[in-house]
Every structure is written in C-alpha cells, then in structure tokens.
Amino acid sequence: MTNEEVLQKANEIVNQYGLMAEFLSDAESVGVGGDCRTYTKIIVLFRPPIDHKTLASLSTKISNVTGINRVTFELARK
C-alpha cells in the first residue's frame, strides 16, 4: 500500500468523527509484524477533542486496515 493510499484509508476511517489524519513529518516507528521488525510512518490525528475510548478504537482500526504501527493524537494545533 502506498503512503497516499494509507493516508486515504486512515482519513476514510476518522472523517466521520470530524478528525483528520496526516503523517508525522518523516518520522518512522518500529513495530513487529509476524516475526520481523517493521518500520512505518506515524499517523497523527487532529481536530476536535474526542474521548479516549473512541481514539483507542480508531487507532486499532487504522493499524489493522493500513499496517501502520503507530497512531497518535495531537492535542493542540497552532
């Protein structure tokens, strides 16, 4: 899946909650896929405040659908 496709899928998941997703600069996160290390971009969600339970659910869904191993939430955007 290309970076553009990953970001499109992530936004499809979070847009219904009024959130937006983007990559966190050029940073990558280390995760485990099967028996191997994986290095993927980090997705950051931002916009209106949302409860932690929903954020946790969205993070899991994004990871499962896109293969991204780290999703964060930005508390304040200037």
PDB file of N, CA and C in Angstrom:
ATOM      1  N   MET A   1       0.857  -1.168   0.000  1.00  0.00           N
ATOM      2  CA  MET A   1       0.000   0.000   0.000  1.00  0.00           C
ATOM      3  C   MET A   1       0.908   1.237   0.000  1.00  0.00           C
ATOM      4  N   THR A   2       0.648   2.190  -0.890  1.00  0.00           N
ATOM      5  CA  THR A   2       1.466   3.403  -0.944  1.00  0.00           C
ATOM      6  C   THR A   2       1.128   4.328   0.221  1.00  0.00           C
ATOM      7  N   ASN A   3       2.002   5.284   0.484  1.00  0.00           N
ATOM      8  CA  ASN A   3       1.739   6.251   1.554  1.00  0.00           C
ATOM      9  C   ASN A   3       0.435   7.006   1.311  1.00  0.00           C
ATOM     10  N   GLU A   4       0.173   7.356   0.063  1.00  0.00           N
ATOM     11  CA  GLU A   4      -1.062   8.068  -0.270  1.00  0.00           C
ATOM     12  C   GLU A   4      -2.289   7.208   0.024  1.00  0.00           C
ATOM     13  N   GLU A   5      -2.203   5.922  -0.291  1.00  0.00           N
ATOM     14  CA  GLU A   5      -3.316   5.008  -0.025  1.00  0.00           C
ATOM     15  C   GLU A   5      -3.525   4.820   1.475  1.00  0.00           C
ATOM     16  N   VAL A   6      -2.433   4.730   2.222  1.00  0.00           N
ATOM     17  CA  VAL A   6      -2.522   4.595   3.682  1.00  0.00           C
ATOM     18  C   VAL A   6      -3.233   5.807   4.266  1.00  0.00           C
ATOM     19  N   LEU A   7      -2.820   6.994   3.858  1.00  0.00           N
ATOM     20  CA  LEU A   7      -3.417   8.218   4.379  1.00  0.00           C
ATOM     21  C   LEU A   7      -4.885   8.341   3.968  1.00  0.00           C
ATOM     22  N   GLN A   8      -5.205   7.940   2.756  1.00  0.00           N
ATOM     23  CA  GLN A   8      -6.593   7.973   2.296  1.00  0.00           C
ATOM     24  C   GLN A   8      -7.459   7.042   3.142  1.00  0.00           C
ATOM     25  N   LYS A   9      -6.983   5.827   3.387  1.00  0.00           N
ATOM     26  CA  LYS A   9      -7.736   4.865   4.207  1.00  0.00           C
ATOM     27  C   LYS A   9      -7.920   5.394   5.628  1.00  0.00           C
ATOM     28  N   ALA A  10      -6.844   5.942   6.202  1.00  0.00           N
ATOM     29  CA  ALA A  10      -6.926   6.479   7.562  1.00  0.00           C
ATOM     30  C   ALA A  10      -7.961   7.597   7.629  1.00  0.00           C
ATOM     31  N   ASN A  11      -7.964   8.488   6.643  1.00  0.00           N
ATOM     32  CA  ASN A  11      -8.937   9.581   6.639  1.00  0.00           C
ATOM     33  C   ASN A  11     -10.359   9.081   6.430  1.00  0.00           C
ATOM     34  N   GLU A  12     -10.540   8.036   5.648  1.00  0.00           N
ATOM     35  CA  GLU A  12     -11.875   7.447   5.490  1.00  0.00           C
ATOM     36  C   GLU A  12     -12.401   6.954   6.834  1.00  0.00           C
ATOM     37  N   ILE A  13     -11.524   6.416   7.656  1.00  0.00           N
ATOM     38  CA  ILE A  13     -11.913   5.884   8.966  1.00  0.00           C
ATOM     39  C   ILE A  13     -12.261   7.003   9.937  1.00  0.00           C
ATOM     40  N   VAL A  14     -11.474   8.086   9.969  1.00  0.00           N
ATOM     41  CA  VAL A  14     -11.643   9.113  11.011  1.00  0.00           C
ATOM     42  C   VAL A  14     -12.518  10.290  10.613  1.00  0.00           C
ATOM     43  N   ASN A  15     -12.752  10.500   9.328  1.00  0.00           N
ATOM     44  CA  ASN A  15     -13.536  11.668   8.898  1.00  0.00           C
ATOM     45  C   ASN A  15     -14.937  11.701   9.494  1.00  0.00           C
ATOM     46  N   GLN A  16     -15.545  10.549   9.696  1.00  0.00           N
ATOM     47  CA  GLN A  16     -16.901  10.515  10.258  1.00  0.00           C
ATOM     48  C   GLN A  16     -16.944  11.022  11.698  1.00  0.00           C
ATOM     49  N   TYR A  17     -15.778  11.141  12.342  1.00  0.00           N
ATOM     50  CA  TYR A  17     -15.688  11.667  13.703  1.00  0.00           C
ATOM     51  C   TYR A  17     -15.227  13.123  13.709  1.00  0.00           C
ATOM     52  N   GLY A  18     -15.125  13.727  12.520  1.00  0.00           N
ATOM     53  CA  GLY A  18     -14.677  15.111  12.418  1.00  0.00           C
ATOM     54  C   GLY A  18     -13.176  15.265  12.554  1.00  0.00           C
ATOM     55  N   LEU A  19     -12.446  14.157  12.508  1.00  0.00           N
ATOM     56  CA  LEU A  19     -10.992  14.186  12.647  1.00  0.00           C
ATOM     57  C   LEU A  19     -10.329  14.152  11.279  1.00  0.00           C
ATOM     58  N   MET A  20      -9.054  14.513  11.260  1.00  0.00           N
ATOM     59  CA  MET A  20      -8.244  14.404  10.055  1.00  0.00           C
ATOM     60  C   MET A  20      -6.973  13.656  10.419  1.00  0.00           C
ATOM     61  N   ALA A  21      -6.392  12.972   9.438  1.00  0.00           N
ATOM     62  CA  ALA A  21      -5.157  12.219   9.655  1.00  0.00           C
ATOM     63  C   ALA A  21      -4.093  12.722   8.696  1.00  0.00           C
ATOM     64  N   GLU A  22      -2.867  12.768   9.191  1.00  0.00           N
ATOM     65  CA  GLU A  22      -1.724  13.091   8.333  1.00  0.00           C
ATOM     66  C   GLU A  22      -0.510  12.374   8.896  1.00  0.00           C
ATOM     67  N   PHE A  23       0.558  12.318   8.107  1.00  0.00           N
ATOM     68  CA  PHE A  23       1.786  11.701   8.591  1.00  0.00           C
ATOM     69  C   PHE A  23       2.543  12.686   9.462  1.00  0.00           C
ATOM     70  N   LEU A  24       3.214  12.190  10.478  1.00  0.00           N
ATOM     71  CA  LEU A  24       4.046  12.995  11.354  1.00  0.00           C
ATOM     72  C   LEU A  24       5.411  13.136  10.698  1.00  0.00           C
ATOM     73  N   SER A  25       5.620  14.206   9.990  1.00  0.00           N
ATOM     74  CA  SER A  25       6.857  14.522   9.253  1.00  0.00           C
ATOM     75  C   SER A  25       7.452  13.275   8.598  1.00  0.00           C
ATOM     76  N   ASP A  26       8.751  13.109   8.715  1.00  0.00           N
ATOM     77  CA  ASP A  26       9.424  11.952   8.116  1.00  0.00           C
ATOM     78  C   ASP A  26       9.751  10.883   9.150  1.00  0.00           C
ATOM     79  N   ALA A  27       9.185  11.011  10.344  1.00  0.00           N
ATOM     80  CA  ALA A  27       9.473  10.065  11.417  1.00  0.00           C
ATOM     81  C   ALA A  27       8.875   8.701  11.094  1.00  0.00           C
ATOM     82  N   GLU A  28       9.548   7.660  11.563  1.00  0.00           N
ATOM     83  CA  GLU A  28       9.039   6.297  11.430  1.00  0.00           C
ATOM     84  C   GLU A  28       9.006   5.636  12.795  1.00  0.00           C
ATOM     85  N   SER A  29       8.171   4.638  12.916  1.00  0.00           N
ATOM     86  CA  SER A  29       8.019   3.894  14.152  1.00  0.00           C
ATOM     87  C   SER A  29       8.415   2.440  13.910  1.00  0.00           C
ATOM     88  N   VAL A  30       8.990   1.821  14.921  1.00  0.00           N
ATOM     89  CA  VAL A  30       9.364   0.412  14.833  1.00  0.00           C
ATOM     90  C   VAL A  30       8.256  -0.416  15.470  1.00  0.00           C
ATOM     91  N   GLY A  31       7.826  -1.446  14.765  1.00  0.00           N
ATOM     92  CA  GLY A  31       6.823  -2.357  15.283  1.00  0.00           C
ATOM     93  C   GLY A  31       7.220  -3.783  14.949  1.00  0.00           C
ATOM     94  N   VAL A  32       6.334  -4.709  15.221  1.00  0.00           N
ATOM     95  CA  VAL A  32       6.590  -6.114  14.912  1.00  0.00           C
ATOM     96  C   VAL A  32       5.447  -6.625  14.052  1.00  0.00           C
ATOM     97  N   GLY A  33       5.792  -7.237  12.936  1.00  0.00           N
ATOM     98  CA  GLY A  33       4.808  -7.860  12.055  1.00  0.00           C
ATOM     99  C   GLY A  33       5.237  -9.296  11.822  1.00  0.00           C
ATOM    100  N   GLY A  34       4.451 -10.226  12.323  1.00  0.00           N
ATOM    101  CA  GLY A  34       4.878 -11.627  12.250  1.00  0.00           C
ATOM    102  C   GLY A  34       6.084 -11.800  13.153  1.00  0.00           C
ATOM    103  N   ASP A  35       7.193 -12.245  12.589  1.00  0.00           N
ATOM    104  CA  ASP A  35       8.423 -12.419  13.362  1.00  0.00           C
ATOM    105  C   ASP A  35       9.473 -11.378  13.002  1.00  0.00           C
ATOM    106  N   CYS A  36       9.080 -10.328  12.286  1.00  0.00           N
ATOM    107  CA  CYS A  36      10.047  -9.337  11.801  1.00  0.00           C
ATOM    108  C   CYS A  36       9.728  -7.941  12.320  1.00  0.00           C
ATOM    109  N   ARG A  37      10.752  -7.122  12.405  1.00  0.00           N
ATOM    110  CA  ARG A  37      10.550  -5.711  12.720  1.00  0.00           C
ATOM    111  C   ARG A  37       9.946  -5.020  11.508  1.00  0.00           C
ATOM    112  N   THR A  38       9.072  -4.056  11.775  1.00  0.00           N
ATOM    113  CA  THR A  38       8.514  -3.246  10.698  1.00  0.00           C
ATOM    114  C   THR A  38       8.809  -1.784  10.990  1.00  0.00           C
ATOM    115  N   TYR A  39       9.022  -1.022   9.953  1.00  0.00           N
ATOM    116  CA  TYR A  39       9.274   0.408  10.066  1.00  0.00           C
ATOM    117  C   TYR A  39       8.227   1.112   9.221  1.00  0.00           C
ATOM    118  N   THR A  40       7.327   1.834   9.874  1.00  0.00           N
ATOM    119  CA  THR A  40       6.262   2.521   9.145  1.00  0.00           C
ATOM    120  C   THR A  40       6.181   3.973   9.586  1.00  0.00           C
ATOM    121  N   LYS A  41       5.560   4.786   8.749  1.00  0.00           N
ATOM    122  CA  LYS A  41       5.331   6.179   9.089  1.00  0.00           C
ATOM    123  C   LYS A  41       4.365   6.241  10.273  1.00  0.00           C
ATOM    124  N   ILE A  42       4.356   7.376  10.953  1.00  0.00           N
ATOM    125  CA  ILE A  42       3.473   7.598  12.098  1.00  0.00           C
ATOM    126  C   ILE A  42       2.303   8.459  11.635  1.00  0.00           C
ATOM    127  N   ILE A  43       1.095   8.066  11.981  1.00  0.00           N
ATOM    128  CA  ILE A  43      -0.086   8.865  11.658  1.00  0.00           C
ATOM    129  C   ILE A  43      -0.478   9.668  12.888  1.00  0.00           C
ATOM    130  N   VAL A  44      -0.762  10.946  12.671  1.00  0.00           N
ATOM    131  CA  VAL A  44      -1.248  11.809  13.747  1.00  0.00           C
ATOM    132  C   VAL A  44      -2.674  12.234  13.400  1.00  0.00           C
ATOM    133  N   LEU A  45      -3.568  12.123  14.380  1.00  0.00           N
ATOM    134  CA  LEU A  45      -4.954  12.551  14.226  1.00  0.00           C
ATOM    135  C   LEU A  45      -5.107  13.902  14.896  1.00  0.00           C
ATOM    136  N   PHE A  46      -5.899  14.789  14.297  1.00  0.00           N
ATOM    137  CA  PHE A  46      -6.108  16.095  14.912  1.00  0.00           C
ATOM    138  C   PHE A  46      -7.487  16.633  14.569  1.00  0.00           C
ATOM    139  N   ARG A  47      -7.897  17.600  15.276  1.00  0.00           N
ATOM    140  CA  ARG A  47      -9.105  18.407  15.172  1.00  0.00           C
ATOM    141  C   ARG A  47      -9.832  18.372  16.502  1.00  0.00           C
ATOM    142  N   PRO A  48     -11.160  18.187  16.512  1.00  0.00           N
ATOM    143  CA  PRO A  48     -11.871  18.372  17.776  1.00  0.00           C
ATOM    144  C   PRO A  48     -11.496  17.315  18.815  1.00  0.00           C
ATOM    145  N   PRO A  49     -11.592  17.694  20.084  1.00  0.00           N
ATOM    146  CA  PRO A  49     -11.342  16.706  21.147  1.00  0.00           C
ATOM    147  C   PRO A  49     -12.309  15.525  21.012  1.00  0.00           C
ATOM    148  N   ILE A  50     -11.828  14.372  21.373  1.00  0.00           N
ATOM    149  CA  ILE A  50     -12.635  13.158  21.267  1.00  0.00           C
ATOM    150  C   ILE A  50     -12.266  12.254  22.442  1.00  0.00           C
ATOM    151  N   ASP A  51     -13.189  11.449  22.898  1.00  0.00           N
ATOM    152  CA  ASP A  51     -12.934  10.631  24.089  1.00  0.00           C
ATOM    153  C   ASP A  51     -11.885   9.546  23.816  1.00  0.00           C
ATOM    154  N   HIS A  52     -11.222   9.142  24.885  1.00  0.00           N
ATOM    155  CA  HIS A  52     -10.103   8.193  24.777  1.00  0.00           C
ATOM    156  C   HIS A  52     -10.533   6.826  24.252  1.00  0.00           C
ATOM    157  N   LYS A  53     -11.715   6.391  24.630  1.00  0.00           N
ATOM    158  CA  LYS A  53     -12.189   5.081  24.177  1.00  0.00           C
ATOM    159  C   LYS A  53     -12.333   5.066  22.648  1.00  0.00           C
ATOM    160  N   THR A  54     -12.885   6.127  22.093  1.00  0.00           N
ATOM    161  CA  THR A  54     -13.037   6.223  20.640  1.00  0.00           C
ATOM    162  C   THR A  54     -11.679   6.320  19.964  1.00  0.00           C
ATOM    163  N   LEU A  55     -10.764   7.114  20.534  1.00  0.00           N
ATOM    164  CA  LEU A  55      -9.414   7.225  19.971  1.00  0.00           C
ATOM    165  C   LEU A  55      -8.717   5.871  19.937  1.00  0.00           C
ATOM    166  N   ALA A  56      -8.835   5.116  21.013  1.00  0.00           N
ATOM    167  CA  ALA A  56      -8.207   3.792  21.067  1.00  0.00           C
ATOM    168  C   ALA A  56      -8.790   2.880  19.989  1.00  0.00           C
ATOM    169  N   SER A  57     -10.094   2.938  19.816  1.00  0.00           N
ATOM    170  CA  SER A  57     -10.754   2.124  18.800  1.00  0.00           C
ATOM    171  C   SER A  57     -10.311   2.529  17.391  1.00  0.00           C
ATOM    172  N   LEU A  58     -10.235   3.836  17.136  1.00  0.00           N
ATOM    173  CA  LEU A  58      -9.796   4.322  15.823  1.00  0.00           C
ATOM    174  C   LEU A  58      -8.352   3.939  15.550  1.00  0.00           C
ATOM    175  N   SER A  59      -7.501   4.047  16.556  1.00  0.00           N
ATOM    176  CA  SER A  59      -6.093   3.691  16.409  1.00  0.00           C
ATOM    177  C   SER A  59      -5.945   2.223  16.015  1.00  0.00           C
ATOM    178  N   THR A  60      -6.675   1.354  16.691  1.00  0.00           N
ATOM    179  CA  THR A  60      -6.636  -0.075  16.381  1.00  0.00           C
ATOM    180  C   THR A  60      -7.136  -0.337  14.965  1.00  0.00           C
ATOM    181  N   LYS A  61      -8.229   0.305  14.591  1.00  0.00           N
ATOM    182  CA  LYS A  61      -8.793   0.096  13.256  1.00  0.00           C
ATOM    183  C   LYS A  61      -7.825   0.569  12.174  1.00  0.00           C
ATOM    184  N   ILE A  62      -7.220   1.751  12.360  1.00  0.00           N
ATOM    185  CA  ILE A  62      -6.257   2.266  11.379  1.00  0.00           C
ATOM    186  C   ILE A  62      -5.083   1.306  11.245  1.00  0.00           C
ATOM    187  N   SER A  63      -4.565   0.831  12.369  1.00  0.00           N
ATOM    188  CA  SER A  63      -3.432  -0.105  12.340  1.00  0.00           C
ATOM    189  C   SER A  63      -3.790  -1.397  11.618  1.00  0.00           C
ATOM    190  N   ASN A  64      -4.976  -1.922  11.879  1.00  0.00           N
ATOM    191  CA  ASN A  64      -5.398  -3.170  11.241  1.00  0.00           C
ATOM    192  C   ASN A  64      -5.630  -3.015   9.742  1.00  0.00           C
ATOM    193  N   VAL A  65      -6.192  -1.897   9.326  1.00  0.00           N
ATOM    194  CA  VAL A  65      -6.534  -1.692   7.916  1.00  0.00           C
ATOM    195  C   VAL A  65      -5.323  -1.295   7.079  1.00  0.00           C
ATOM    196  N   THR A  66      -4.418  -0.483   7.655  1.00  0.00           N
ATOM    197  CA  THR A  66      -3.322   0.085   6.860  1.00  0.00           C
ATOM    198  C   THR A  66      -1.968  -0.563   7.091  1.00  0.00           C
ATOM    199  N   GLY A  67      -1.790  -1.251   8.212  1.00  0.00           N
ATOM    200  CA  GLY A  67      -0.475  -1.801   8.531  1.00  0.00           C
ATOM    201  C   GLY A  67       0.421  -0.818   9.259  1.00  0.00           C
ATOM    202  N   ILE A  68      -0.077   0.387   9.529  1.00  0.00           N
ATOM    203  CA  ILE A  68       0.678   1.384  10.299  1.00  0.00           C
ATOM    204  C   ILE A  68       0.794   0.874  11.730  1.00  0.00           C
ATOM    205  N   ASN A  69       1.974   1.063  12.357  1.00  0.00           N
ATOM    206  CA  ASN A  69       2.117   0.538  13.718  1.00  0.00           C
ATOM    207  C   ASN A  69       2.094   1.604  14.807  1.00  0.00           C
ATOM    208  N   ARG A  70       1.844   2.867  14.456  1.00  0.00           N
ATOM    209  CA  ARG A  70       1.748   3.899  15.492  1.00  0.00           C
ATOM    210  C   ARG A  70       0.795   4.994  15.038  1.00  0.00           C
ATOM    211  N   VAL A  71      -0.229   5.266  15.866  1.00  0.00           N
ATOM    212  CA  VAL A  71      -1.176   6.350  15.624  1.00  0.00           C
ATOM    213  C   VAL A  71      -1.165   7.231  16.864  1.00  0.00           C
ATOM    214  N   THR A  72      -1.027   8.546  16.665  1.00  0.00           N
ATOM    215  CA  THR A  72      -1.000   9.488  17.781  1.00  0.00           C
ATOM    216  C   THR A  72      -2.125  10.501  17.614  1.00  0.00           C
ATOM    217  N   PHE A  73      -2.380  11.291  18.672  1.00  0.00           N
ATOM    218  CA  PHE A  73      -3.385  12.347  18.609  1.00  0.00           C
ATOM    219  C   PHE A  73      -2.754  13.650  19.044  1.00  0.00           C
ATOM    220  N   GLU A  74      -2.926  14.676  18.239  1.00  0.00           N
ATOM    221  CA  GLU A  74      -2.378  15.994  18.556  1.00  0.00           C
ATOM    222  C   GLU A  74      -3.396  16.761  19.390  1.00  0.00           C
ATOM    223  N   LEU A  75      -2.984  17.190  20.579  1.00  0.00           N
ATOM    224  CA  LEU A  75      -3.903  17.874  21.481  1.00  0.00           C
ATOM    225  C   LEU A  75      -4.136  19.328  21.104  1.00  0.00           C
ATOM    226  N   ALA A  76      -3.137  20.006  20.572  1.00  0.00           N
ATOM    227  CA  ALA A  76      -3.280  21.426  20.225  1.00  0.00           C
ATOM    228  C   ALA A  76      -2.537  21.716  18.931  1.00  0.00           C
ATOM    229  N   ARG A  77      -3.202  22.384  18.027  1.00  0.00           N
ATOM    230  CA  ARG A  77      -2.584  22.767  16.751  1.00  0.00           C
ATOM    231  C   ARG A  77      -2.592  24.279  16.671  1.00  0.00           C
ATOM    232  N   LYS A  78      -1.434  24.831  16.344  1.00  0.00           N
ATOM    233  CA  LYS A  78      -1.332  26.293  16.220  1.00  0.00           C
ATOM    234  C   LYS A  78      -1.208  26.686  14.781  1.00  0.00           C
TER     235      LYS A  78
END
